Amino acid sequence: MSRSGYTDDCENLWLWRGAVIRAMSGKRGQAALQDIAAALDKMPEKKLAANSFQRAGDPCTLGVLSLHRGVDMEDLEPDVDHEWGAEMVDRDLVGNRLDIAPAMAAEVMFTNDEGCYGVETPQERWLRMRAWVAKNLKDRA
């Protein structure tokens, strides 16, 4: 199970990828990526959690955005089963709360939680996500 709601069912994958690209390259998506980059850079401890917006004080990438924008995400925290991962969260609610498209919310959750093959430390996740944000910014912050 995945917070993002992504599955191995690839039906209409090309339509979904188009929605993700449009969401991230649009005005709201670029503003969110700029906010994420700024918030990541300001973190005193450069580390990110997986499968949680901000459990035990450790935020994920969207958790960093929510803290930066002053948005409470506590009621959207997924239950985590350490064998199966986190339960899916409602990407529409996440998107509405953070003022981003649901497709972007799902993509950021997936990339944060599952974008690395193998074991990754919270510090390595921070480095990978900061590079991912920079790669997706049009002005390359």
N, C-alpha and C. Protein backbone atom coordinates (compact mmCIF):
# COMPACT_ATOMS: atom_id res chain seq x y z
N MET A 1 0.85 -1.18 0.00
CA MET A 1 0.00 0.00 0.00
C MET A 1 0.89 1.24 0.00
N SER A 2 0.37 2.31 -0.55
CA SER A 2 1.14 3.53 -0.70
C SER A 2 0.27 4.74 -0.34
N ARG A 3 0.85 5.71 0.34
CA ARG A 3 0.11 6.94 0.64
C ARG A 3 -0.39 7.61 -0.62
N SER A 4 0.40 7.52 -1.69
CA SER A 4 0.08 8.22 -2.93
C SER A 4 -1.13 7.66 -3.66
N GLY A 5 -1.45 6.39 -3.40
CA GLY A 5 -2.52 5.74 -4.12
C GLY A 5 -2.05 5.10 -5.42
N TYR A 6 -0.77 5.21 -5.73
CA TYR A 6 -0.23 4.60 -6.94
C TYR A 6 -0.28 3.07 -6.81
N THR A 7 -0.58 2.41 -7.92
CA THR A 7 -0.63 0.95 -7.96
C THR A 7 0.17 0.46 -9.16
N ASP A 8 0.22 -0.85 -9.30
CA ASP A 8 0.89 -1.45 -10.46
C ASP A 8 -0.01 -1.52 -11.68
N ASP A 9 -1.25 -1.08 -11.55
CA ASP A 9 -2.18 -1.05 -12.66
C ASP A 9 -1.84 0.15 -13.54
N CYS A 10 -1.35 -0.08 -14.72
CA CYS A 10 -0.85 1.01 -15.58
C CYS A 10 -1.86 1.45 -16.63
N GLU A 11 -3.13 1.09 -16.44
CA GLU A 11 -4.15 1.52 -17.38
C GLU A 11 -4.25 3.04 -17.33
N ASN A 12 -4.24 3.67 -18.47
CA ASN A 12 -4.31 5.13 -18.60
C ASN A 12 -3.13 5.85 -17.95
N LEU A 13 -2.00 5.17 -17.87
CA LEU A 13 -0.81 5.77 -17.26
C LEU A 13 -0.42 7.06 -17.97
N TRP A 14 -0.49 7.08 -19.28
CA TRP A 14 -0.09 8.26 -20.04
C TRP A 14 -0.98 9.46 -19.71
N LEU A 15 -2.26 9.22 -19.43
CA LEU A 15 -3.14 10.32 -19.03
C LEU A 15 -2.72 10.87 -17.66
N TRP A 16 -2.41 9.95 -16.74
CA TRP A 16 -2.00 10.37 -15.41
C TRP A 16 -0.69 11.14 -15.46
N ARG A 17 0.29 10.64 -16.22
CA ARG A 17 1.58 11.33 -16.31
C ARG A 17 1.39 12.74 -16.88
N GLY A 18 0.47 12.88 -17.82
CA GLY A 18 0.17 14.21 -18.35
C GLY A 18 -0.40 15.13 -17.28
N ALA A 19 -1.28 14.59 -16.44
CA ALA A 19 -1.84 15.39 -15.34
C ALA A 19 -0.75 15.82 -14.36
N VAL A 20 0.18 14.92 -14.08
CA VAL A 20 1.28 15.24 -13.16
C VAL A 20 2.15 16.35 -13.76
N ILE A 21 2.51 16.21 -15.02
CA ILE A 21 3.37 17.21 -15.68
C ILE A 21 2.69 18.58 -15.69
N ARG A 22 1.41 18.61 -16.04
CA ARG A 22 0.68 19.89 -16.06
C ARG A 22 0.58 20.49 -14.66
N ALA A 23 0.32 19.64 -13.67
CA ALA A 23 0.18 20.13 -12.30
C ALA A 23 1.48 20.73 -11.79
N MET A 24 2.59 20.09 -12.08
CA MET A 24 3.87 20.55 -11.55
C MET A 24 4.45 21.72 -12.33
N SER A 25 4.08 21.85 -13.59
CA SER A 25 4.64 22.94 -14.39
C SER A 25 3.75 24.18 -14.39
N GLY A 26 2.55 24.06 -13.84
CA GLY A 26 1.64 25.20 -13.77
C GLY A 26 2.02 26.18 -12.67
N LYS A 27 1.27 27.26 -12.60
CA LYS A 27 1.56 28.34 -11.66
C LYS A 27 1.55 27.87 -10.20
N ARG A 28 0.48 27.14 -9.81
CA ARG A 28 0.39 26.65 -8.42
C ARG A 28 1.48 25.64 -8.12
N GLY A 29 1.75 24.75 -9.06
CA GLY A 29 2.78 23.74 -8.86
C GLY A 29 4.16 24.34 -8.71
N GLN A 30 4.48 25.31 -9.54
CA GLN A 30 5.78 25.97 -9.45
C GLN A 30 5.90 26.76 -8.14
N ALA A 31 4.82 27.40 -7.72
CA ALA A 31 4.84 28.13 -6.44
C ALA A 31 5.08 27.16 -5.29
N ALA A 32 4.43 25.99 -5.35
CA ALA A 32 4.62 24.99 -4.29
C ALA A 32 6.06 24.47 -4.30
N LEU A 33 6.61 24.21 -5.47
CA LEU A 33 8.00 23.74 -5.55
C LEU A 33 8.96 24.79 -5.01
N GLN A 34 8.71 26.06 -5.30
CA GLN A 34 9.55 27.14 -4.75
C GLN A 34 9.45 27.18 -3.23
N ASP A 35 8.23 27.03 -2.71
CA ASP A 35 8.05 27.01 -1.26
C ASP A 35 8.74 25.80 -0.63
N ILE A 36 8.64 24.65 -1.29
CA ILE A 36 9.30 23.44 -0.77
C ILE A 36 10.80 23.65 -0.74
N ALA A 37 11.37 24.18 -1.82
CA ALA A 37 12.82 24.40 -1.88
C ALA A 37 13.26 25.33 -0.75
N ALA A 38 12.55 26.43 -0.56
CA ALA A 38 12.90 27.38 0.50
C ALA A 38 12.79 26.74 1.88
N ALA A 39 11.71 25.98 2.09
CA ALA A 39 11.50 25.34 3.39
C ALA A 39 12.53 24.25 3.66
N LEU A 40 12.87 23.48 2.64
CA LEU A 40 13.91 22.45 2.81
C LEU A 40 15.24 23.09 3.17
N ASP A 41 15.57 24.17 2.50
CA ASP A 41 16.85 24.85 2.75
C ASP A 41 16.92 25.44 4.16
N LYS A 42 15.78 25.82 4.73
CA LYS A 42 15.76 26.42 6.06
C LYS A 42 15.76 25.39 7.19
N MET A 43 15.58 24.11 6.85
CA MET A 43 15.51 23.09 7.90
C MET A 43 16.82 23.02 8.68
N PRO A 44 16.75 23.07 10.02
CA PRO A 44 17.98 22.96 10.81
C PRO A 44 18.61 21.57 10.69
N GLU A 45 17.78 20.54 10.65
CA GLU A 45 18.25 19.18 10.43
C GLU A 45 17.75 18.75 9.05
N LYS A 46 18.67 18.48 8.16
CA LYS A 46 18.33 18.14 6.78
C LYS A 46 17.98 16.65 6.69
N LYS A 47 16.73 16.32 7.11
CA LYS A 47 16.27 14.94 7.02
C LYS A 47 14.76 14.93 6.82
N LEU A 48 14.30 13.93 6.09
CA LEU A 48 12.88 13.78 5.78
C LEU A 48 12.40 12.39 6.16
N ALA A 49 11.17 12.33 6.63
CA ALA A 49 10.53 11.06 6.98
C ALA A 49 9.79 10.51 5.76
N ALA A 50 9.45 9.25 5.84
CA ALA A 50 8.61 8.60 4.82
C ALA A 50 7.28 8.20 5.47
N ASN A 51 6.24 8.08 4.65
CA ASN A 51 4.94 7.55 5.06
C ASN A 51 4.22 8.37 6.12
N SER A 52 4.55 9.63 6.27
CA SER A 52 3.92 10.46 7.29
C SER A 52 4.14 11.93 6.93
N PHE A 53 3.14 12.76 7.18
CA PHE A 53 3.32 14.19 6.94
C PHE A 53 4.24 14.79 8.00
N GLN A 54 4.00 14.44 9.26
CA GLN A 54 4.88 14.92 10.32
C GLN A 54 4.61 14.12 11.59
N ARG A 55 5.06 12.92 11.63
CA ARG A 55 4.89 12.09 12.82
C ARG A 55 6.16 12.21 13.65
N ALA A 56 5.99 12.41 14.94
CA ALA A 56 7.12 12.51 15.88
C ALA A 56 8.08 13.64 15.50
N GLY A 57 7.54 14.70 14.90
CA GLY A 57 8.37 15.86 14.59
C GLY A 57 9.20 15.76 13.33
N ASP A 58 9.18 14.62 12.66
CA ASP A 58 9.95 14.45 11.43
C ASP A 58 9.02 14.57 10.23
N PRO A 59 9.15 15.62 9.42
CA PRO A 59 8.25 15.81 8.29
C PRO A 59 8.72 15.09 7.02
N CYS A 60 7.76 14.81 6.15
CA CYS A 60 8.07 14.40 4.79
C CYS A 60 8.13 15.68 3.95
N THR A 61 8.28 15.55 2.65
CA THR A 61 8.37 16.73 1.79
C THR A 61 7.09 17.56 1.85
N LEU A 62 5.92 16.92 1.79
CA LEU A 62 4.68 17.69 1.90
C LEU A 62 4.48 18.20 3.31
N GLY A 63 5.02 17.50 4.30
CA GLY A 63 4.98 18.00 5.68
C GLY A 63 5.77 19.28 5.82
N VAL A 64 6.91 19.35 5.14
CA VAL A 64 7.73 20.57 5.13
C VAL A 64 6.93 21.71 4.50
N LEU A 65 6.24 21.42 3.39
CA LEU A 65 5.41 22.44 2.74
C LEU A 65 4.28 22.89 3.66
N SER A 66 3.64 21.94 4.34
CA SER A 66 2.53 22.30 5.23
C SER A 66 3.02 23.17 6.39
N LEU A 67 4.17 22.86 6.94
CA LEU A 67 4.74 23.69 8.02
C LEU A 67 5.06 25.09 7.50
N HIS A 68 5.64 25.15 6.31
CA HIS A 68 6.01 26.43 5.70
C HIS A 68 4.77 27.31 5.46
N ARG A 69 3.68 26.67 5.05
CA ARG A 69 2.45 27.41 4.74
C ARG A 69 1.51 27.53 5.94
N GLY A 70 1.88 26.94 7.08
CA GLY A 70 1.04 27.01 8.27
C GLY A 70 -0.23 26.20 8.17
N VAL A 71 -0.16 25.05 7.51
CA VAL A 71 -1.32 24.19 7.29
C VAL A 71 -1.21 22.95 8.17
N ASP A 72 -2.27 22.67 8.93
CA ASP A 72 -2.29 21.50 9.81
C ASP A 72 -2.69 20.26 9.00
N MET A 73 -1.87 19.23 9.05
CA MET A 73 -2.13 17.98 8.31
C MET A 73 -2.38 16.80 9.24
N GLU A 74 -2.44 17.05 10.55
CA GLU A 74 -2.49 15.96 11.52
C GLU A 74 -3.66 15.01 11.28
N ASP A 75 -4.82 15.53 10.92
CA ASP A 75 -5.98 14.67 10.72
C ASP A 75 -5.87 13.81 9.45
N LEU A 76 -4.88 14.08 8.61
CA LEU A 76 -4.69 13.30 7.38
C LEU A 76 -3.57 12.27 7.52
N GLU A 77 -2.95 12.18 8.70
CA GLU A 77 -1.86 11.22 8.90
C GLU A 77 -2.36 9.80 8.62
N PRO A 78 -1.63 9.05 7.80
CA PRO A 78 -2.03 7.67 7.51
C PRO A 78 -1.62 6.73 8.64
N ASP A 79 -2.36 5.63 8.78
CA ASP A 79 -1.91 4.56 9.66
C ASP A 79 -0.78 3.85 8.94
N VAL A 80 0.23 3.44 9.68
CA VAL A 80 1.39 2.79 9.06
C VAL A 80 1.48 1.36 9.56
N ASP A 81 1.51 0.42 8.63
CA ASP A 81 1.78 -0.98 8.91
C ASP A 81 3.19 -1.22 8.43
N HIS A 82 4.09 -1.56 9.32
CA HIS A 82 5.51 -1.65 8.95
C HIS A 82 5.80 -2.75 7.93
N GLU A 83 4.88 -3.69 7.78
CA GLU A 83 5.07 -4.72 6.76
C GLU A 83 4.56 -4.25 5.40
N TRP A 84 3.46 -3.50 5.40
CA TRP A 84 2.82 -3.12 4.14
C TRP A 84 2.96 -1.65 3.80
N GLY A 85 3.49 -0.85 4.69
CA GLY A 85 3.64 0.58 4.41
C GLY A 85 2.46 1.37 4.93
N ALA A 86 2.27 2.55 4.40
CA ALA A 86 1.22 3.46 4.87
C ALA A 86 -0.05 3.25 4.08
N GLU A 87 -1.18 3.51 4.75
CA GLU A 87 -2.44 3.45 4.04
C GLU A 87 -2.54 4.65 3.10
N MET A 88 -3.35 4.49 2.07
CA MET A 88 -3.53 5.56 1.11
C MET A 88 -4.24 6.74 1.78
N VAL A 89 -3.81 7.94 1.45
CA VAL A 89 -4.50 9.13 1.93
C VAL A 89 -5.27 9.74 0.76
N ASP A 90 -6.24 10.56 1.06
CA ASP A 90 -7.06 11.19 0.03
C ASP A 90 -6.27 12.32 -0.62
N ARG A 91 -5.75 12.07 -1.81
CA ARG A 91 -4.90 13.08 -2.46
C ARG A 91 -5.69 14.33 -2.82
N ASP A 92 -7.00 14.21 -2.99
CA ASP A 92 -7.82 15.40 -3.23
C ASP A 92 -7.81 16.31 -1.99
N LEU A 93 -7.98 15.71 -0.81
CA LEU A 93 -7.94 16.49 0.43
C LEU A 93 -6.56 17.11 0.65
N VAL A 94 -5.51 16.33 0.41
CA VAL A 94 -4.15 16.83 0.57
C VAL A 94 -3.92 17.99 -0.39
N GLY A 95 -4.31 17.81 -1.64
CA GLY A 95 -4.15 18.87 -2.63
C GLY A 95 -4.91 20.13 -2.26
N ASN A 96 -6.17 19.97 -1.86
CA ASN A 96 -6.96 21.14 -1.46
C ASN A 96 -6.34 21.85 -0.27
N ARG A 97 -5.91 21.09 0.70
CA ARG A 97 -5.34 21.68 1.91
C ARG A 97 -4.07 22.46 1.61
N LEU A 98 -3.23 21.94 0.69
CA LEU A 98 -1.95 22.58 0.39
C LEU A 98 -1.99 23.48 -0.85
N ASP A 99 -3.16 23.61 -1.46
CA ASP A 99 -3.34 24.40 -2.68
C ASP A 99 -2.45 23.91 -3.82
N ILE A 100 -2.45 22.59 -4.00
CA ILE A 100 -1.78 21.98 -5.14
C ILE A 100 -2.74 20.99 -5.78
N ALA A 101 -2.48 20.61 -7.01
CA ALA A 101 -3.32 19.64 -7.69
C ALA A 101 -3.17 18.26 -7.04
N PRO A 102 -4.24 17.46 -7.00
CA PRO A 102 -4.15 16.11 -6.45
C PRO A 102 -3.06 15.27 -7.13
N ALA A 103 -2.87 15.45 -8.43
CA ALA A 103 -1.83 14.69 -9.14
C ALA A 103 -0.45 15.05 -8.60
N MET A 104 -0.23 16.30 -8.28
CA MET A 104 1.06 16.71 -7.71
C MET A 104 1.22 16.16 -6.30
N ALA A 105 0.15 16.20 -5.51
CA ALA A 105 0.21 15.66 -4.15
C ALA A 105 0.61 14.19 -4.19
N ALA A 106 -0.01 13.41 -5.07
CA ALA A 106 0.32 11.99 -5.19
C ALA A 106 1.75 11.79 -5.64
N GLU A 107 2.19 12.57 -6.60
CA GLU A 107 3.55 12.43 -7.13
C GLU A 107 4.61 12.74 -6.07
N VAL A 108 4.39 13.80 -5.29
CA VAL A 108 5.35 14.15 -4.25
C VAL A 108 5.37 13.07 -3.17
N MET A 109 4.20 12.58 -2.76
CA MET A 109 4.16 11.51 -1.76
C MET A 109 4.89 10.27 -2.26
N PHE A 110 4.61 9.87 -3.51
CA PHE A 110 5.27 8.69 -4.07
C PHE A 110 6.78 8.88 -4.14
N THR A 111 7.21 10.01 -4.65
CA THR A 111 8.65 10.26 -4.80
C THR A 111 9.33 10.30 -3.44
N ASN A 112 8.70 10.93 -2.46
CA ASN A 112 9.26 10.99 -1.11
C ASN A 112 9.35 9.60 -0.48
N ASP A 113 8.26 8.84 -0.56
CA ASP A 113 8.18 7.56 0.15
C ASP A 113 8.83 6.40 -0.58
N GLU A 114 8.71 6.39 -1.92
CA GLU A 114 9.10 5.20 -2.67
C GLU A 114 10.03 5.48 -3.84
N GLY A 115 10.55 6.68 -3.92
CA GLY A 115 11.36 7.08 -5.06
C GLY A 115 12.77 6.54 -5.07
N CYS A 116 13.15 5.84 -4.02
CA CYS A 116 14.51 5.30 -3.92
C CYS A 116 14.44 3.78 -3.92
N TYR A 117 15.30 3.17 -4.68
CA TYR A 117 15.39 1.71 -4.65
C TYR A 117 16.42 1.34 -3.61
N GLY A 118 16.02 0.60 -2.61
CA GLY A 118 16.94 0.21 -1.56
C GLY A 118 16.70 1.00 -0.29
N VAL A 119 17.59 0.81 0.66
CA VAL A 119 17.49 1.46 1.96
C VAL A 119 18.04 2.89 1.86
N GLU A 120 17.36 3.81 2.52
CA GLU A 120 17.75 5.21 2.45
C GLU A 120 17.62 5.84 3.83
N THR A 121 18.59 6.62 4.23
CA THR A 121 18.50 7.33 5.51
C THR A 121 17.64 8.58 5.32
N PRO A 122 17.13 9.14 6.41
CA PRO A 122 16.38 10.39 6.30
C PRO A 122 17.20 11.52 5.69
N GLN A 123 18.49 11.54 5.93
CA GLN A 123 19.36 12.56 5.35
C GLN A 123 19.52 12.35 3.84
N GLU A 124 19.64 11.10 3.42
CA GLU A 124 19.72 10.80 1.98
C GLU A 124 18.41 11.14 1.29
N ARG A 125 17.28 10.89 1.97
CA ARG A 125 15.98 11.25 1.40
C ARG A 125 15.91 12.77 1.21
N TRP A 126 16.39 13.55 2.18
CA TRP A 126 16.39 15.00 2.05
C TRP A 126 17.20 15.43 0.82
N LEU A 127 18.39 14.87 0.66
CA LEU A 127 19.23 15.22 -0.49
C LEU A 127 18.54 14.86 -1.81
N ARG A 128 17.94 13.67 -1.86
CA ARG A 128 17.27 13.22 -3.09
C ARG A 128 16.07 14.11 -3.41
N MET A 129 15.27 14.43 -2.41
CA MET A 129 14.09 15.25 -2.65
C MET A 129 14.46 16.69 -2.97
N ARG A 130 15.51 17.21 -2.37
CA ARG A 130 15.93 18.59 -2.70
C ARG A 130 16.38 18.65 -4.16
N ALA A 131 17.11 17.63 -4.60
CA ALA A 131 17.54 17.57 -6.00
C ALA A 131 16.33 17.41 -6.92
N TRP A 132 15.36 16.60 -6.52
CA TRP A 132 14.15 16.38 -7.32
C TRP A 132 13.37 17.69 -7.47
N VAL A 133 13.24 18.43 -6.38
CA VAL A 133 12.54 19.72 -6.43
C VAL A 133 13.26 20.66 -7.39
N ALA A 134 14.57 20.76 -7.25
CA ALA A 134 15.36 21.65 -8.13
C ALA A 134 15.20 21.26 -9.59
N LYS A 135 15.19 19.96 -9.86
CA LYS A 135 15.05 19.47 -11.24
C LYS A 135 13.69 19.85 -11.84
N ASN A 136 12.67 19.93 -11.00
CA ASN A 136 11.33 20.22 -11.49
C ASN A 136 10.95 21.69 -11.48
N LEU A 137 11.81 22.53 -10.92
CA LEU A 137 11.57 23.97 -10.98
C LEU A 137 11.99 24.50 -12.35
N LYS A 138 11.16 25.34 -12.92
CA LYS A 138 11.49 25.91 -14.23
C LYS A 138 12.71 26.81 -14.16
N ASP A 139 12.87 27.52 -13.03
CA ASP A 139 14.03 28.42 -12.91
C ASP A 139 15.21 27.74 -12.24
N ARG A 140 15.10 26.46 -11.96
CA ARG A 140 16.19 25.63 -11.42
C ARG A 140 16.82 26.20 -10.16
N ALA A 141 16.02 26.30 -9.09
CA ALA A 141 16.53 26.82 -7.81
C ALA A 141 17.51 25.87 -7.17
